[in-house]
Amino acid sequence: MIITATTEITESDTRATRLAVLEAQVCEARDDIRVARLCDDMSLAFDALESLATLLQHTLQELAHLGIETSPR
């Protein structure tokens, strides 16, 4: 499976696949922020920052689930 920023995350995906997709999406959001800065486009910058914040929230949730799954019982 080739992971890109447009890859859809599904319930059947493994945790590793979900994290890989989120990583690609975070990289795309970072690139959008760079473009916004170069173009001096505040609207695009705020949209990209909002997207980045949401992606980081999802990433933290995935990592929390991973921590629960791998913690010794």
N, C-alpha and C. Protein backbone atom coordinates (compact mmCIF):
# COMPACT_ATOMS: atom_id res chain seq x y z
N MET A 1 0.84 -1.18 0.00
CA MET A 1 0.00 0.00 0.00
C MET A 1 0.88 1.24 0.00
N ILE A 2 0.61 2.14 -0.91
CA ILE A 2 1.33 3.41 -0.97
C ILE A 2 0.55 4.43 -0.14
N ILE A 3 1.23 5.00 0.84
CA ILE A 3 0.60 5.97 1.74
C ILE A 3 0.83 7.37 1.19
N THR A 4 -0.26 8.10 1.02
CA THR A 4 -0.17 9.50 0.60
C THR A 4 -1.07 10.33 1.51
N ALA A 5 -1.01 11.61 1.34
CA ALA A 5 -1.84 12.50 2.16
C ALA A 5 -3.32 12.35 1.84
N THR A 6 -3.63 11.76 0.69
CA THR A 6 -5.04 11.59 0.31
C THR A 6 -5.57 10.20 0.64
N THR A 7 -4.73 9.35 1.22
CA THR A 7 -5.17 8.01 1.61
C THR A 7 -6.22 8.13 2.71
N GLU A 8 -7.33 7.43 2.53
CA GLU A 8 -8.40 7.45 3.53
C GLU A 8 -8.06 6.49 4.67
N ILE A 9 -8.33 6.90 5.88
CA ILE A 9 -8.14 6.04 7.04
C ILE A 9 -9.47 5.33 7.31
N THR A 10 -9.40 4.00 7.46
CA THR A 10 -10.61 3.23 7.74
C THR A 10 -10.45 2.48 9.06
N GLU A 11 -11.58 2.00 9.57
CA GLU A 11 -11.56 1.25 10.84
C GLU A 11 -10.73 -0.02 10.74
N SER A 12 -10.65 -0.62 9.54
CA SER A 12 -9.93 -1.88 9.39
C SER A 12 -8.42 -1.70 9.25
N ASP A 13 -7.96 -0.46 9.12
CA ASP A 13 -6.52 -0.21 9.01
C ASP A 13 -5.81 -0.54 10.32
N THR A 14 -4.59 -0.98 10.18
CA THR A 14 -3.78 -1.21 11.38
C THR A 14 -3.37 0.13 11.97
N ARG A 15 -2.96 0.10 13.20
CA ARG A 15 -2.52 1.32 13.87
C ARG A 15 -1.33 1.92 13.11
N ALA A 16 -0.42 1.07 12.64
CA ALA A 16 0.75 1.57 11.91
C ALA A 16 0.33 2.28 10.62
N THR A 17 -0.66 1.72 9.93
CA THR A 17 -1.14 2.35 8.70
C THR A 17 -1.78 3.69 9.01
N ARG A 18 -2.58 3.73 10.06
CA ARG A 18 -3.22 5.00 10.44
C ARG A 18 -2.19 6.06 10.77
N LEU A 19 -1.15 5.68 11.51
CA LEU A 19 -0.11 6.65 11.87
C LEU A 19 0.68 7.10 10.63
N ALA A 20 0.91 6.18 9.69
CA ALA A 20 1.62 6.55 8.46
C ALA A 20 0.81 7.54 7.63
N VAL A 21 -0.50 7.32 7.55
CA VAL A 21 -1.37 8.25 6.82
C VAL A 21 -1.37 9.61 7.51
N LEU A 22 -1.50 9.60 8.83
CA LEU A 22 -1.49 10.87 9.57
C LEU A 22 -0.17 11.61 9.37
N GLU A 23 0.93 10.87 9.34
CA GLU A 23 2.24 11.50 9.10
C GLU A 23 2.26 12.19 7.74
N ALA A 24 1.76 11.51 6.72
CA ALA A 24 1.72 12.10 5.38
C ALA A 24 0.84 13.35 5.36
N GLN A 25 -0.27 13.30 6.07
CA GLN A 25 -1.18 14.44 6.11
C GLN A 25 -0.57 15.61 6.88
N VAL A 26 0.16 15.33 7.94
CA VAL A 26 0.85 16.39 8.70
C VAL A 26 1.91 17.05 7.81
N CYS A 27 2.64 16.24 7.05
CA CYS A 27 3.65 16.80 6.14
C CYS A 27 3.01 17.69 5.09
N GLU A 28 1.86 17.28 4.57
CA GLU A 28 1.15 18.10 3.59
C GLU A 28 0.69 19.42 4.22
N ALA A 29 0.18 19.37 5.44
CA ALA A 29 -0.25 20.60 6.13
C ALA A 29 0.95 21.52 6.37
N ARG A 30 2.08 20.94 6.72
CA ARG A 30 3.30 21.74 6.92
C ARG A 30 3.69 22.43 5.61
N ASP A 31 3.59 21.69 4.50
CA ASP A 31 3.90 22.29 3.19
C ASP A 31 2.93 23.41 2.85
N ASP A 32 1.66 23.22 3.19
CA ASP A 32 0.65 24.26 2.95
C ASP A 32 0.98 25.53 3.74
N ILE A 33 1.49 25.35 4.96
CA ILE A 33 1.88 26.51 5.78
C ILE A 33 3.04 27.25 5.12
N ARG A 34 4.00 26.49 4.59
CA ARG A 34 5.14 27.12 3.89
C ARG A 34 4.67 27.92 2.67
N VAL A 35 3.77 27.32 1.89
CA VAL A 35 3.24 28.00 0.71
C VAL A 35 2.52 29.28 1.12
N ALA A 36 1.71 29.17 2.17
CA ALA A 36 0.97 30.35 2.64
C ALA A 36 1.92 31.46 3.05
N ARG A 37 3.01 31.07 3.71
CA ARG A 37 3.99 32.07 4.13
C ARG A 37 4.65 32.73 2.92
N LEU A 38 5.03 31.92 1.94
CA LEU A 38 5.67 32.46 0.74
C LEU A 38 4.74 33.36 -0.06
N CYS A 39 3.45 33.02 -0.06
CA CYS A 39 2.46 33.80 -0.80
C CYS A 39 1.86 34.92 0.04
N ASP A 40 2.25 34.98 1.30
CA ASP A 40 1.71 35.97 2.23
C ASP A 40 0.18 35.89 2.26
N ASP A 41 -0.32 34.65 2.33
CA ASP A 41 -1.77 34.39 2.31
C ASP A 41 -2.21 33.95 3.71
N MET A 42 -2.72 34.90 4.49
CA MET A 42 -3.11 34.60 5.87
C MET A 42 -4.28 33.63 5.95
N SER A 43 -5.21 33.71 5.02
CA SER A 43 -6.36 32.81 5.02
C SER A 43 -5.90 31.36 4.84
N LEU A 44 -5.02 31.14 3.87
CA LEU A 44 -4.48 29.80 3.65
C LEU A 44 -3.68 29.34 4.86
N ALA A 45 -2.93 30.25 5.46
CA ALA A 45 -2.14 29.90 6.64
C ALA A 45 -3.02 29.44 7.79
N PHE A 46 -4.09 30.17 8.04
CA PHE A 46 -4.99 29.79 9.14
C PHE A 46 -5.69 28.47 8.85
N ASP A 47 -6.09 28.25 7.60
CA ASP A 47 -6.71 26.97 7.24
C ASP A 47 -5.73 25.81 7.45
N ALA A 48 -4.48 26.02 7.04
CA ALA A 48 -3.47 24.99 7.19
C ALA A 48 -3.16 24.73 8.66
N LEU A 49 -3.11 25.78 9.47
CA LEU A 49 -2.86 25.61 10.90
C LEU A 49 -4.01 24.87 11.58
N GLU A 50 -5.23 25.18 11.18
CA GLU A 50 -6.39 24.47 11.73
C GLU A 50 -6.34 23.00 11.36
N SER A 51 -5.99 22.72 10.12
CA SER A 51 -5.86 21.34 9.66
C SER A 51 -4.75 20.62 10.43
N LEU A 52 -3.63 21.29 10.61
CA LEU A 52 -2.51 20.71 11.34
C LEU A 52 -2.90 20.41 12.78
N ALA A 53 -3.60 21.30 13.43
CA ALA A 53 -4.04 21.07 14.81
C ALA A 53 -4.95 19.85 14.90
N THR A 54 -5.86 19.72 13.96
CA THR A 54 -6.76 18.56 13.95
C THR A 54 -5.98 17.27 13.73
N LEU A 55 -5.04 17.29 12.79
CA LEU A 55 -4.23 16.10 12.51
C LEU A 55 -3.38 15.72 13.72
N LEU A 56 -2.84 16.71 14.40
CA LEU A 56 -2.04 16.42 15.60
C LEU A 56 -2.91 15.83 16.70
N GLN A 57 -4.13 16.30 16.82
CA GLN A 57 -5.06 15.73 17.79
C GLN A 57 -5.33 14.26 17.47
N HIS A 58 -5.59 13.95 16.20
CA HIS A 58 -5.83 12.56 15.81
C HIS A 58 -4.59 11.70 16.04
N THR A 59 -3.43 12.26 15.77
CA THR A 59 -2.18 11.52 15.98
C THR A 59 -1.99 11.20 17.46
N LEU A 60 -2.26 12.17 18.32
CA LEU A 60 -2.14 11.93 19.76
C LEU A 60 -3.13 10.87 20.23
N GLN A 61 -4.33 10.87 19.68
CA GLN A 61 -5.32 9.84 20.03
C GLN A 61 -4.83 8.46 19.61
N GLU A 62 -4.27 8.36 18.41
CA GLU A 62 -3.74 7.08 17.94
C GLU A 62 -2.59 6.61 18.84
N LEU A 63 -1.71 7.53 19.21
CA LEU A 63 -0.59 7.16 20.08
C LEU A 63 -1.08 6.75 21.46
N ALA A 64 -2.11 7.39 21.96
CA ALA A 64 -2.68 7.00 23.26
C ALA A 64 -3.24 5.59 23.18
N HIS A 65 -3.95 5.29 22.10
CA HIS A 65 -4.49 3.93 21.93
C HIS A 65 -3.35 2.91 21.82
N LEU A 66 -2.30 3.28 21.11
CA LEU A 66 -1.15 2.40 20.98
C LEU A 66 -0.52 2.14 22.34
N GLY A 67 -0.41 3.19 23.16
CA GLY A 67 0.15 3.03 24.50
C GLY A 67 -0.67 2.08 25.35
N ILE A 68 -1.99 2.18 25.24
CA ILE A 68 -2.88 1.28 25.99
C ILE A 68 -2.72 -0.15 25.50
N GLU A 69 -2.65 -0.33 24.17
CA GLU A 69 -2.53 -1.67 23.60
C GLU A 69 -1.22 -2.35 23.95
N THR A 70 -0.16 -1.58 24.11
CA THR A 70 1.16 -2.17 24.33
C THR A 70 1.61 -2.13 25.78
N SER A 71 0.81 -1.52 26.65
CA SER A 71 1.23 -1.45 28.05
C SER A 71 1.08 -2.82 28.72
N PRO A 72 2.03 -3.15 29.58
CA PRO A 72 1.92 -4.43 30.29
C PRO A 72 0.71 -4.43 31.21
N ARG A 73 0.08 -5.54 31.27
CA ARG A 73 -1.13 -5.64 32.10
C ARG A 73 -0.87 -6.37 33.36
